[in-house]
Amino acid sequence: MIEIDILQRLAKNDKGGSCCVQIRNWFDYRNHICIVFEKLGPSLYDFLKRNKYCPFPVDLVREFGRQLLQSLAYMHDLRLIHTDLKPENILLVSSEYVKLPGSKRFSDETHFRCLPKSSAIKLIDFGSTVFDNQNHSSIVSTRHYRAPEIILGLGWTYPCDLWSVGCILVELYSGEALFQTHDNLEHLAMMEKVLGPLPEHMAQRANRGAEKYFRRGPRLNWPEGAVSRESIRTVSKLDCLKNRVSKHVDCSRSSSLVDLLHGLLKFDPTERLTARQALDHPFFKTP
């Protein structure tokens, strides 16, 4: 019922540009609450998976990112924080796609890539959405998209959604998750490998549960605290963000994308771009 209330608030204030899924109705069927939505297509994750994780072209990622940030700007204006942004929770409006020939691996076999006919998307799943003035759980967000302030127990608010957007954009243009891990220390080590060292003030303010991830003050307890040699190898193979982008995006477009991602993936949530600031970034001005 809390989710239904949030969905109705979103629909009430929507003037057509929120990019949030629209509730049509709800009913109680044998003590099960059922919600009726508009009909939509597959999630971006399902599309990637069916496409054998072939990444989306950067122009399409730009349109997805623009709409995702529009939905967040709309939500944040209503003092709502989504807290569970991920490709599974972003749906294409249409299921239609086109099939394009890809590279030929063998002389008799052509590999195809699929692209959606329309770039229109809708944000879904408001079951974890909270108002900023409500009590906040200590842990939110699906692991791969979880912001550092959540892992460190520093508290969280709107910026945690923007961190998730940064992770999502990397996944859409590269075809793989930015931080593929299930361990907190490994996750933090991955962040440092890709984005540079954690700010000292964040390490020093980490709650008691997160103190074990550090030694000698702000220094991360890595690789000493790694759970396995495989974990150390996995982190060591990671590249910095700039190099990671350049592998998938040509030089003429990569610089503005890298700058946007660095703004979304700032360790310090107070320095992270807001949704509206991100929408004004030069990356979205490119024709």
C-alpha atoms as a PDB file:
ATOM      1  CA  MET A   1       0.000   0.000   0.000  1.00  0.00           C
ATOM      2  CA  ILE A   2       2.974   2.309   0.577  1.00  0.00           C
ATOM      3  CA  GLU A   3       4.147   1.611  -2.975  1.00  0.00           C
ATOM      4  CA  ILE A   4       0.629   2.295  -4.312  1.00  0.00           C
ATOM      5  CA  ASP A   5       0.584   5.632  -2.453  1.00  0.00           C
ATOM      6  CA  ILE A   6       3.942   6.584  -4.014  1.00  0.00           C
ATOM      7  CA  LEU A   7       2.792   5.508  -7.493  1.00  0.00           C
ATOM      8  CA  GLN A   8      -0.380   7.588  -7.152  1.00  0.00           C
ATOM      9  CA  ARG A   9       1.646  10.623  -6.040  1.00  0.00           C
ATOM     10  CA  LEU A  10       3.967  10.197  -9.023  1.00  0.00           C
ATOM     11  CA  ALA A  11       1.003   9.906 -11.413  1.00  0.00           C
ATOM     12  CA  LYS A  12      -0.834  12.873  -9.869  1.00  0.00           C
ATOM     13  CA  ASN A  13       2.053  15.278 -10.441  1.00  0.00           C
ATOM     14  CA  ASP A  14       3.118  13.854 -13.809  1.00  0.00           C
ATOM     15  CA  LYS A  15       2.642  16.172 -16.779  1.00  0.00           C
ATOM     16  CA  GLY A  16       3.925  13.606 -19.269  1.00  0.00           C
ATOM     17  CA  GLY A  17       7.683  13.866 -18.912  1.00  0.00           C
ATOM     18  CA  SER A  18       8.488  11.926 -15.744  1.00  0.00           C
ATOM     19  CA  CYS A  19       9.533   8.668 -17.477  1.00  0.00           C
ATOM     20  CA  CYS A  20       8.069   6.826 -14.460  1.00  0.00           C
ATOM     21  CA  VAL A  21       5.735   3.868 -14.964  1.00  0.00           C
ATOM     22  CA  GLN A  22       2.054   4.756 -14.681  1.00  0.00           C
ATOM     23  CA  ILE A  23      -0.271   2.942 -12.286  1.00  0.00           C
ATOM     24  CA  ARG A  24      -3.651   2.154 -13.881  1.00  0.00           C
ATOM     25  CA  ASN A  25      -5.449   0.481 -11.003  1.00  0.00           C
ATOM     26  CA  TRP A  26      -5.001  -1.777  -7.979  1.00  0.00           C
ATOM     27  CA  PHE A  27      -7.161  -4.413  -6.292  1.00  0.00           C
ATOM     28  CA  ASP A  28      -7.141  -6.940  -3.487  1.00  0.00           C
ATOM     29  CA  TYR A  29      -7.456 -10.526  -4.729  1.00  0.00           C
ATOM     30  CA  ARG A  30      -7.753 -13.042  -1.879  1.00  0.00           C
ATOM     31  CA  ASN A  31      -5.563 -10.881   0.379  1.00  0.00           C
ATOM     32  CA  HIS A  32      -2.983 -10.339  -2.358  1.00  0.00           C
ATOM     33  CA  ILE A  33      -2.511  -6.717  -3.417  1.00  0.00           C
ATOM     34  CA  CYS A  34      -2.300  -6.548  -7.226  1.00  0.00           C
ATOM     35  CA  ILE A  35      -1.185  -3.465  -9.150  1.00  0.00           C
ATOM     36  CA  VAL A  36      -2.153  -2.814 -12.772  1.00  0.00           C
ATOM     37  CA  PHE A  37       0.365  -0.904 -14.902  1.00  0.00           C
ATOM     38  CA  GLU A  38       0.609   0.283 -18.472  1.00  0.00           C
ATOM     39  CA  LYS A  39       1.984  -2.402 -20.791  1.00  0.00           C
ATOM     40  CA  LEU A  40       5.713  -2.044 -21.414  1.00  0.00           C
ATOM     41  CA  GLY A  41       8.557  -3.939 -23.089  1.00  0.00           C
ATOM     42  CA  PRO A  42      11.568  -5.799 -21.647  1.00  0.00           C
ATOM     43  CA  SER A  43      14.017  -4.357 -19.136  1.00  0.00           C
ATOM     44  CA  LEU A  44      17.351  -3.042 -20.346  1.00  0.00           C
ATOM     45  CA  TYR A  45      19.003  -5.944 -18.521  1.00  0.00           C
ATOM     46  CA  ASP A  46      16.817  -8.527 -20.271  1.00  0.00           C
ATOM     47  CA  PHE A  47      17.542  -6.849 -23.610  1.00  0.00           C
ATOM     48  CA  LEU A  48      21.296  -6.983 -22.939  1.00  0.00           C
ATOM     49  CA  LYS A  49      21.073 -10.613 -21.854  1.00  0.00           C
ATOM     50  CA  ARG A  50      19.092 -11.695 -24.944  1.00  0.00           C
ATOM     51  CA  ASN A  51      21.604  -9.757 -27.029  1.00  0.00           C
ATOM     52  CA  LYS A  52      24.475 -11.789 -25.482  1.00  0.00           C
ATOM     53  CA  TYR A  53      25.545  -8.679 -23.526  1.00  0.00           C
ATOM     54  CA  CYS A  54      26.364  -6.770 -26.685  1.00  0.00           C
ATOM     55  CA  PRO A  55      26.520  -3.140 -25.468  1.00  0.00           C
ATOM     56  CA  PHE A  56      24.216  -0.372 -26.620  1.00  0.00           C
ATOM     57  CA  PRO A  57      25.622   2.341 -28.951  1.00  0.00           C
ATOM     58  CA  VAL A  58      26.652   5.476 -27.074  1.00  0.00           C
ATOM     59  CA  ASP A  59      23.930   7.576 -28.778  1.00  0.00           C
ATOM     60  CA  LEU A  60      21.298   5.206 -27.386  1.00  0.00           C
ATOM     61  CA  VAL A  61      22.958   5.253 -23.948  1.00  0.00           C
ATOM     62  CA  ARG A  62      22.733   9.061 -24.077  1.00  0.00           C
ATOM     63  CA  GLU A  63      18.959   8.883 -24.621  1.00  0.00           C
ATOM     64  CA  PHE A  64      18.503   6.266 -21.889  1.00  0.00           C
ATOM     65  CA  GLY A  65      20.593   8.369 -19.494  1.00  0.00           C
ATOM     66  CA  ARG A  66      18.687  11.551 -20.279  1.00  0.00           C
ATOM     67  CA  GLN A  67      15.327   9.920 -19.534  1.00  0.00           C
ATOM     68  CA  LEU A  68      16.606   8.192 -16.402  1.00  0.00           C
ATOM     69  CA  LEU A  69      17.896  11.492 -15.045  1.00  0.00           C
ATOM     70  CA  GLN A  70      14.591  13.180 -15.944  1.00  0.00           C
ATOM     71  CA  SER A  71      12.735  10.590 -13.875  1.00  0.00           C
ATOM     72  CA  LEU A  72      15.127  11.143 -10.948  1.00  0.00           C
ATOM     73  CA  ALA A  73      14.875  14.927 -11.150  1.00  0.00           C
ATOM     74  CA  TYR A  74      11.083  14.545 -11.045  1.00  0.00           C
ATOM     75  CA  MET A  75      11.225  12.148  -8.080  1.00  0.00           C
ATOM     76  CA  HIS A  76      13.771  14.186  -6.132  1.00  0.00           C
ATOM     77  CA  ASP A  77      11.636  17.324  -6.583  1.00  0.00           C
ATOM     78  CA  LEU A  78       8.878  15.341  -4.837  1.00  0.00           C
ATOM     79  CA  ARG A  79      11.413  14.477  -2.086  1.00  0.00           C
ATOM     80  CA  LEU A  80      11.420  10.801  -3.113  1.00  0.00           C
ATOM     81  CA  ILE A  81      14.533   8.597  -3.319  1.00  0.00           C
ATOM     82  CA  HIS A  82      14.237   5.476  -5.506  1.00  0.00           C
ATOM     83  CA  THR A  83      17.100   3.523  -3.797  1.00  0.00           C
ATOM     84  CA  ASP A  84      17.035   0.541  -6.205  1.00  0.00           C
ATOM     85  CA  LEU A  85      18.102   1.777  -9.617  1.00  0.00           C
ATOM     86  CA  LYS A  86      19.469  -0.947 -11.904  1.00  0.00           C
ATOM     87  CA  PRO A  87      18.980  -2.074 -15.535  1.00  0.00           C
ATOM     88  CA  GLU A  88      16.340  -4.591 -14.392  1.00  0.00           C
ATOM     89  CA  ASN A  89      14.193  -1.678 -13.189  1.00  0.00           C
ATOM     90  CA  ILE A  90      14.355   0.300 -16.444  1.00  0.00           C
ATOM     91  CA  LEU A  91      11.899  -0.931 -19.078  1.00  0.00           C
ATOM     92  CA  LEU A  92      11.754  -0.188 -22.768  1.00  0.00           C
ATOM     93  CA  VAL A  93       8.330   1.205 -23.670  1.00  0.00           C
ATOM     94  CA  SER A  94       8.210  -0.959 -26.812  1.00  0.00           C
ATOM     95  CA  SER A  95       9.277  -4.577 -27.367  1.00  0.00           C
ATOM     96  CA  GLU A  96      10.083  -3.939 -31.038  1.00  0.00           C
ATOM     97  CA  TYR A  97      13.661  -4.215 -32.202  1.00  0.00           C
ATOM     98  CA  VAL A  98      15.731  -4.348 -35.368  1.00  0.00           C
ATOM     99  CA  LYS A  99      18.341  -6.982 -36.156  1.00  0.00           C
ATOM    100  CA  LEU A 100      21.641  -5.785 -37.588  1.00  0.00           C
ATOM    101  CA  PRO A 101      24.480  -7.943 -38.876  1.00  0.00           C
ATOM    102  CA  GLY A 102      27.509  -7.961 -36.628  1.00  0.00           C
ATOM    103  CA  SER A 103      30.983  -9.365 -37.115  1.00  0.00           C
ATOM    104  CA  LYS A 104      31.669 -12.641 -38.914  1.00  0.00           C
ATOM    105  CA  ARG A 105      33.554 -14.976 -36.620  1.00  0.00           C
ATOM    106  CA  PHE A 106      33.507 -17.821 -39.094  1.00  0.00           C
ATOM    107  CA  SER A 107      33.153 -17.732 -42.877  1.00  0.00           C
ATOM    108  CA  ASP A 108      29.718 -19.364 -42.752  1.00  0.00           C
ATOM    109  CA  GLU A 109      28.312 -17.717 -39.622  1.00  0.00           C
ATOM    110  CA  THR A 110      27.229 -14.114 -39.131  1.00  0.00           C
ATOM    111  CA  HIS A 111      26.572 -12.833 -35.623  1.00  0.00           C
ATOM    112  CA  PHE A 112      23.723 -10.347 -35.295  1.00  0.00           C
ATOM    113  CA  ARG A 113      23.120  -7.571 -32.790  1.00  0.00           C
ATOM    114  CA  CYS A 114      19.681  -6.329 -31.858  1.00  0.00           C
ATOM    115  CA  LEU A 115      18.760  -2.691 -31.229  1.00  0.00           C
ATOM    116  CA  PRO A 116      15.457  -1.395 -29.860  1.00  0.00           C
ATOM    117  CA  LYS A 117      13.358   0.476 -32.427  1.00  0.00           C
ATOM    118  CA  SER A 118      12.557   3.139 -29.840  1.00  0.00           C
ATOM    119  CA  SER A 119      14.762   4.642 -27.129  1.00  0.00           C
ATOM    120  CA  ALA A 120      11.753   5.430 -24.884  1.00  0.00           C
ATOM    121  CA  ILE A 121      12.074   3.958 -21.365  1.00  0.00           C
ATOM    122  CA  LYS A 122      10.142   3.947 -18.092  1.00  0.00           C
ATOM    123  CA  LEU A 123      11.489   3.603 -14.543  1.00  0.00           C
ATOM    124  CA  ILE A 124       9.717   0.912 -12.482  1.00  0.00           C
ATOM    125  CA  ASP A 125       9.734  -0.780  -9.048  1.00  0.00           C
ATOM    126  CA  PHE A 126       9.019   1.780  -6.358  1.00  0.00           C
ATOM    127  CA  GLY A 127       8.756  -0.852  -3.617  1.00  0.00           C
ATOM    128  CA  SER A 128      11.919   0.460  -1.908  1.00  0.00           C
ATOM    129  CA  THR A 129      11.264   4.143  -2.583  1.00  0.00           C
ATOM    130  CA  VAL A 130      11.259   6.396   0.478  1.00  0.00           C
ATOM    131  CA  PHE A 131      10.629  10.033   1.281  1.00  0.00           C
ATOM    132  CA  ASP A 132      13.765  11.892   2.315  1.00  0.00           C
ATOM    133  CA  ASN A 133      12.294  12.692   5.749  1.00  0.00           C
ATOM    134  CA  GLN A 134      11.384   9.041   6.459  1.00  0.00           C
ATOM    135  CA  ASN A 135      13.477   6.612   8.466  1.00  0.00           C
ATOM    136  CA  HIS A 136      16.268   5.235   6.233  1.00  0.00           C
ATOM    137  CA  SER A 137      17.368   1.584   6.327  1.00  0.00           C
ATOM    138  CA  SER A 138      21.097   1.114   6.830  1.00  0.00           C
ATOM    139  CA  ILE A 139      21.451  -0.947   3.631  1.00  0.00           C
ATOM    140  CA  VAL A 140      19.693  -0.115   0.349  1.00  0.00           C
ATOM    141  CA  SER A 141      20.365  -0.622  -3.382  1.00  0.00           C
ATOM    142  CA  THR A 142      21.272  -3.826  -5.187  1.00  0.00           C
ATOM    143  CA  ARG A 143      24.940  -4.648  -4.550  1.00  0.00           C
ATOM    144  CA  HIS A 144      26.524  -3.692  -7.904  1.00  0.00           C
ATOM    145  CA  TYR A 145      24.864  -0.250  -7.835  1.00  0.00           C
ATOM    146  CA  ARG A 146      25.387   0.550  -4.133  1.00  0.00           C
ATOM    147  CA  ALA A 147      27.075   3.852  -3.296  1.00  0.00           C
ATOM    148  CA  PRO A 148      30.171   3.984  -1.038  1.00  0.00           C
ATOM    149  CA  GLU A 149      28.436   6.004   1.686  1.00  0.00           C
ATOM    150  CA  ILE A 150      26.002   3.101   2.163  1.00  0.00           C
ATOM    151  CA  ILE A 151      28.802   0.510   2.466  1.00  0.00           C
ATOM    152  CA  LEU A 152      30.660   2.746   4.953  1.00  0.00           C
ATOM    153  CA  GLY A 153      27.531   3.362   7.040  1.00  0.00           C
ATOM    154  CA  LEU A 154      27.683   7.138   6.615  1.00  0.00           C
ATOM    155  CA  GLY A 155      23.981   7.598   5.895  1.00  0.00           C
ATOM    156  CA  TRP A 156      22.474   8.285   2.488  1.00  0.00           C
ATOM    157  CA  THR A 157      20.023  10.474   0.630  1.00  0.00           C
ATOM    158  CA  TYR A 158      19.373  11.615  -2.994  1.00  0.00           C
ATOM    159  CA  PRO A 159      23.010  11.243  -4.206  1.00  0.00           C
ATOM    160  CA  CYS A 160      22.879   7.451  -3.786  1.00  0.00           C
ATOM    161  CA  ASP A 161      20.516   7.378  -6.799  1.00  0.00           C
ATOM    162  CA  LEU A 162      23.044   9.307  -8.909  1.00  0.00           C
ATOM    163  CA  TRP A 163      25.842   6.862  -8.067  1.00  0.00           C
ATOM    164  CA  SER A 164      23.596   4.066  -9.336  1.00  0.00           C
ATOM    165  CA  VAL A 165      22.998   5.996 -12.576  1.00  0.00           C
ATOM    166  CA  GLY A 166      26.762   6.221 -13.138  1.00  0.00           C
ATOM    167  CA  CYS A 167      27.129   2.449 -12.694  1.00  0.00           C
ATOM    168  CA  ILE A 168      24.172   1.812 -15.035  1.00  0.00           C
ATOM    169  CA  LEU A 169      25.550   4.012 -17.836  1.00  0.00           C
ATOM    170  CA  VAL A 170      28.878   2.145 -17.745  1.00  0.00           C
ATOM    171  CA  GLU A 171      27.041  -1.178 -17.944  1.00  0.00           C
ATOM    172  CA  LEU A 172      24.903  -0.072 -20.889  1.00  0.00           C
ATOM    173  CA  TYR A 173      27.786   1.092 -23.095  1.00  0.00           C
ATOM    174  CA  SER A 174      30.171  -1.746 -22.097  1.00  0.00           C
ATOM    175  CA  GLY A 175      27.788  -4.687 -21.662  1.00  0.00           C
ATOM    176  CA  GLU A 176      29.114  -5.616 -18.208  1.00  0.00           C
ATOM    177  CA  ALA A 177      28.602  -4.391 -14.643  1.00  0.00           C
ATOM    178  CA  LEU A 178      31.133  -1.832 -13.415  1.00  0.00           C
ATOM    179  CA  PHE A 179      31.544  -3.453  -9.971  1.00  0.00           C
ATOM    180  CA  GLN A 180      30.828  -7.174 -10.197  1.00  0.00           C
ATOM    181  CA  THR A 181      31.264  -8.328  -6.604  1.00  0.00           C
ATOM    182  CA  HIS A 182      29.448  -9.629  -3.529  1.00  0.00           C
ATOM    183  CA  ASP A 183      31.967  -8.591  -0.864  1.00  0.00           C
ATOM    184  CA  ASN A 184      32.200  -5.138   0.735  1.00  0.00           C
ATOM    185  CA  LEU A 185      35.986  -4.914   0.978  1.00  0.00           C
ATOM    186  CA  GLU A 186      36.427  -6.164  -2.590  1.00  0.00           C
ATOM    187  CA  HIS A 187      33.778  -3.657  -3.689  1.00  0.00           C
ATOM    188  CA  LEU A 188      35.675  -0.763  -2.081  1.00  0.00           C
ATOM    189  CA  ALA A 189      38.962  -2.018  -3.582  1.00  0.00           C
ATOM    190  CA  MET A 190      37.316  -2.084  -7.019  1.00  0.00           C
ATOM    191  CA  MET A 191      36.087   1.477  -6.524  1.00  0.00           C
ATOM    192  CA  GLU A 192      39.614   2.645  -5.688  1.00  0.00           C
ATOM    193  CA  LYS A 193      41.096   0.820  -8.693  1.00  0.00           C
ATOM    194  CA  VAL A 194      38.604   2.444 -11.077  1.00  0.00           C
ATOM    195  CA  LEU A 195      38.152   5.882  -9.465  1.00  0.00           C
ATOM    196  CA  GLY A 196      41.197   6.512  -7.258  1.00  0.00           C
ATOM    197  CA  PRO A 197      41.567   6.550  -3.435  1.00  0.00           C
ATOM    198  CA  LEU A 198      38.632   7.041  -1.093  1.00  0.00           C
ATOM    199  CA  PRO A 199      38.583  10.468   0.583  1.00  0.00           C
ATOM    200  CA  GLU A 200      40.282  10.331   3.969  1.00  0.00           C
ATOM    201  CA  HIS A 201      37.367  11.991   5.764  1.00  0.00           C
ATOM    202  CA  MET A 202      34.952   9.254   4.574  1.00  0.00           C
ATOM    203  CA  ALA A 203      37.265   6.472   5.768  1.00  0.00           C
ATOM    204  CA  GLN A 204      37.683   8.140   9.148  1.00  0.00           C
ATOM    205  CA  ARG A 205      33.915   8.523   9.611  1.00  0.00           C
ATOM    206  CA  ALA A 206      33.085   4.905   8.659  1.00  0.00           C
ATOM    207  CA  ASN A 207      30.814   3.249  11.205  1.00  0.00           C
ATOM    208  CA  ARG A 208      31.976   0.433  13.474  1.00  0.00           C
ATOM    209  CA  GLY A 209      30.801  -2.244  11.068  1.00  0.00           C
ATOM    210  CA  ALA A 210      32.969  -0.743   8.301  1.00  0.00           C
ATOM    211  CA  GLU A 211      36.103  -0.005  10.383  1.00  0.00           C
ATOM    212  CA  LYS A 212      37.425  -3.494   9.583  1.00  0.00           C
ATOM    213  CA  TYR A 213      37.851  -2.491   5.922  1.00  0.00           C
ATOM    214  CA  PHE A 214      40.675  -0.094   6.867  1.00  0.00           C
ATOM    215  CA  ARG A 215      44.065  -0.206   8.551  1.00  0.00           C
ATOM    216  CA  ARG A 216      46.617   2.473   9.342  1.00  0.00           C
ATOM    217  CA  GLY A 217      44.020   5.201   9.308  1.00  0.00           C
ATOM    218  CA  PRO A 218      42.337   5.795   5.952  1.00  0.00           C
ATOM    219  CA  ARG A 219      44.257   3.096   4.043  1.00  0.00           C
ATOM    220  CA  LEU A 220      42.024   0.317   2.713  1.00  0.00           C
ATOM    221  CA  ASN A 221      42.969  -3.114   4.100  1.00  0.00           C
ATOM    222  CA  TRP A 222      43.732  -4.422   0.620  1.00  0.00           C
ATOM    223  CA  PRO A 223      45.053  -6.841  -0.562  1.00  0.00           C
ATOM    224  CA  GLU A 224      45.751  -8.083   2.985  1.00  0.00           C
ATOM    225  CA  GLY A 225      42.056  -8.483   3.774  1.00  0.00           C
ATOM    226  CA  ALA A 226      41.086 -10.174   0.489  1.00  0.00           C
ATOM    227  CA  VAL A 227      39.110 -13.404   0.813  1.00  0.00           C
ATOM    228  CA  SER A 228      41.109 -15.159  -1.928  1.00  0.00           C
ATOM    229  CA  ARG A 229      43.895 -14.801  -4.482  1.00  0.00           C
ATOM    230  CA  GLU A 230      41.232 -14.858  -7.179  1.00  0.00           C
ATOM    231  CA  SER A 231      39.684 -11.772  -5.595  1.00  0.00           C
ATOM    232  CA  ILE A 232      43.050  -9.970  -5.714  1.00  0.00           C
ATOM    233  CA  ARG A 233      43.492 -10.938  -9.375  1.00  0.00           C
ATOM    234  CA  THR A 234      39.966  -9.757 -10.234  1.00  0.00           C
ATOM    235  CA  VAL A 235      40.614  -6.303  -8.751  1.00  0.00           C
ATOM    236  CA  SER A 236      44.105  -5.994 -10.272  1.00  0.00           C
ATOM    237  CA  LYS A 237      42.677  -6.575 -13.770  1.00  0.00           C
ATOM    238  CA  LEU A 238      40.357  -3.565 -13.513  1.00  0.00           C
ATOM    239  CA  ASP A 239      41.224  -0.435 -15.475  1.00  0.00           C
ATOM    240  CA  CYS A 240      40.696   3.205 -14.536  1.00  0.00           C
ATOM    241  CA  LEU A 241      37.424   4.755 -15.661  1.00  0.00           C
ATOM    242  CA  LYS A 242      38.943   6.779 -18.512  1.00  0.00           C
ATOM    243  CA  ASN A 243      40.603   3.712 -20.071  1.00  0.00           C
ATOM    244  CA  ARG A 244      37.464   1.660 -19.591  1.00  0.00           C
ATOM    245  CA  VAL A 245      35.374   4.191 -21.502  1.00  0.00           C
ATOM    246  CA  SER A 246      37.912   4.512 -24.332  1.00  0.00           C
ATOM    247  CA  LYS A 247      37.698   0.769 -25.016  1.00  0.00           C
ATOM    248  CA  HIS A 248      34.037   1.120 -26.021  1.00  0.00           C
ATOM    249  CA  VAL A 249      33.578   4.759 -27.072  1.00  0.00           C
ATOM    250  CA  ASP A 250      35.558   6.626 -29.741  1.00  0.00           C
ATOM    251  CA  CYS A 251      37.803   9.498 -28.650  1.00  0.00           C
ATOM    252  CA  SER A 252      35.546  12.270 -29.997  1.00  0.00           C
ATOM    253  CA  ARG A 253      32.772  11.260 -27.591  1.00  0.00           C
ATOM    254  CA  SER A 254      34.628   9.669 -24.690  1.00  0.00           C
ATOM    255  CA  SER A 255      35.894  12.846 -22.964  1.00  0.00           C
ATOM    256  CA  SER A 256      32.429  14.283 -22.210  1.00  0.00           C
ATOM    257  CA  LEU A 257      31.142  10.845 -21.130  1.00  0.00           C
ATOM    258  CA  VAL A 258      34.134  10.335 -18.810  1.00  0.00           C
ATOM    259  CA  ASP A 259      33.564  13.786 -17.290  1.00  0.00           C
ATOM    260  CA  LEU A 260      29.869  13.023 -16.700  1.00  0.00           C
ATOM    261  CA  LEU A 261      30.668   9.642 -15.125  1.00  0.00           C
ATOM    262  CA  HIS A 262      33.273  11.194 -12.820  1.00  0.00           C
ATOM    263  CA  GLY A 263      30.594  13.675 -11.708  1.00  0.00           C
ATOM    264  CA  LEU A 264      28.095  10.886 -10.995  1.00  0.00           C
ATOM    265  CA  LEU A 265      30.676   8.600  -9.371  1.00  0.00           C
ATOM    266  CA  LYS A 266      32.203  11.078  -6.920  1.00  0.00           C
ATOM    267  CA  PHE A 267      33.000   9.266  -3.679  1.00  0.00           C
ATOM    268  CA  ASP A 268      31.783  12.190  -1.570  1.00  0.00           C
ATOM    269  CA  PRO A 269      27.988  12.389  -2.022  1.00  0.00           C
ATOM    270  CA  THR A 270      28.028  16.141  -1.309  1.00  0.00           C
ATOM    271  CA  GLU A 271      30.218  16.639  -4.412  1.00  0.00           C
ATOM    272  CA  ARG A 272      28.196  14.345  -6.693  1.00  0.00           C
ATOM    273  CA  LEU A 273      26.135  15.857  -9.502  1.00  0.00           C
ATOM    274  CA  THR A 274      22.419  16.253  -8.847  1.00  0.00           C
ATOM    275  CA  ALA A 275      19.990  14.912 -11.444  1.00  0.00           C
ATOM    276  CA  ARG A 276      19.307  18.398 -12.806  1.00  0.00           C
ATOM    277  CA  GLN A 277      23.011  19.280 -12.925  1.00  0.00           C
ATOM    278  CA  ALA A 278      23.696  16.050 -14.806  1.00  0.00           C
ATOM    279  CA  LEU A 279      20.977  16.856 -17.348  1.00  0.00           C
ATOM    280  CA  ASP A 280      22.822  20.117 -18.106  1.00  0.00           C
ATOM    281  CA  HIS A 281      26.103  18.289 -18.738  1.00  0.00           C
ATOM    282  CA  PRO A 282      27.695  18.718 -22.214  1.00  0.00           C
ATOM    283  CA  PHE A 283      27.347  14.958 -22.827  1.00  0.00           C
ATOM    284  CA  PHE A 284      23.602  15.507 -23.276  1.00  0.00           C
ATOM    285  CA  LYS A 285      24.124  18.564 -25.518  1.00  0.00           C
ATOM    286  CA  THR A 286      25.897  16.493 -28.182  1.00  0.00           C
ATOM    287  CA  PRO A 287      23.636  16.153 -31.238  1.00  0.00           C
END
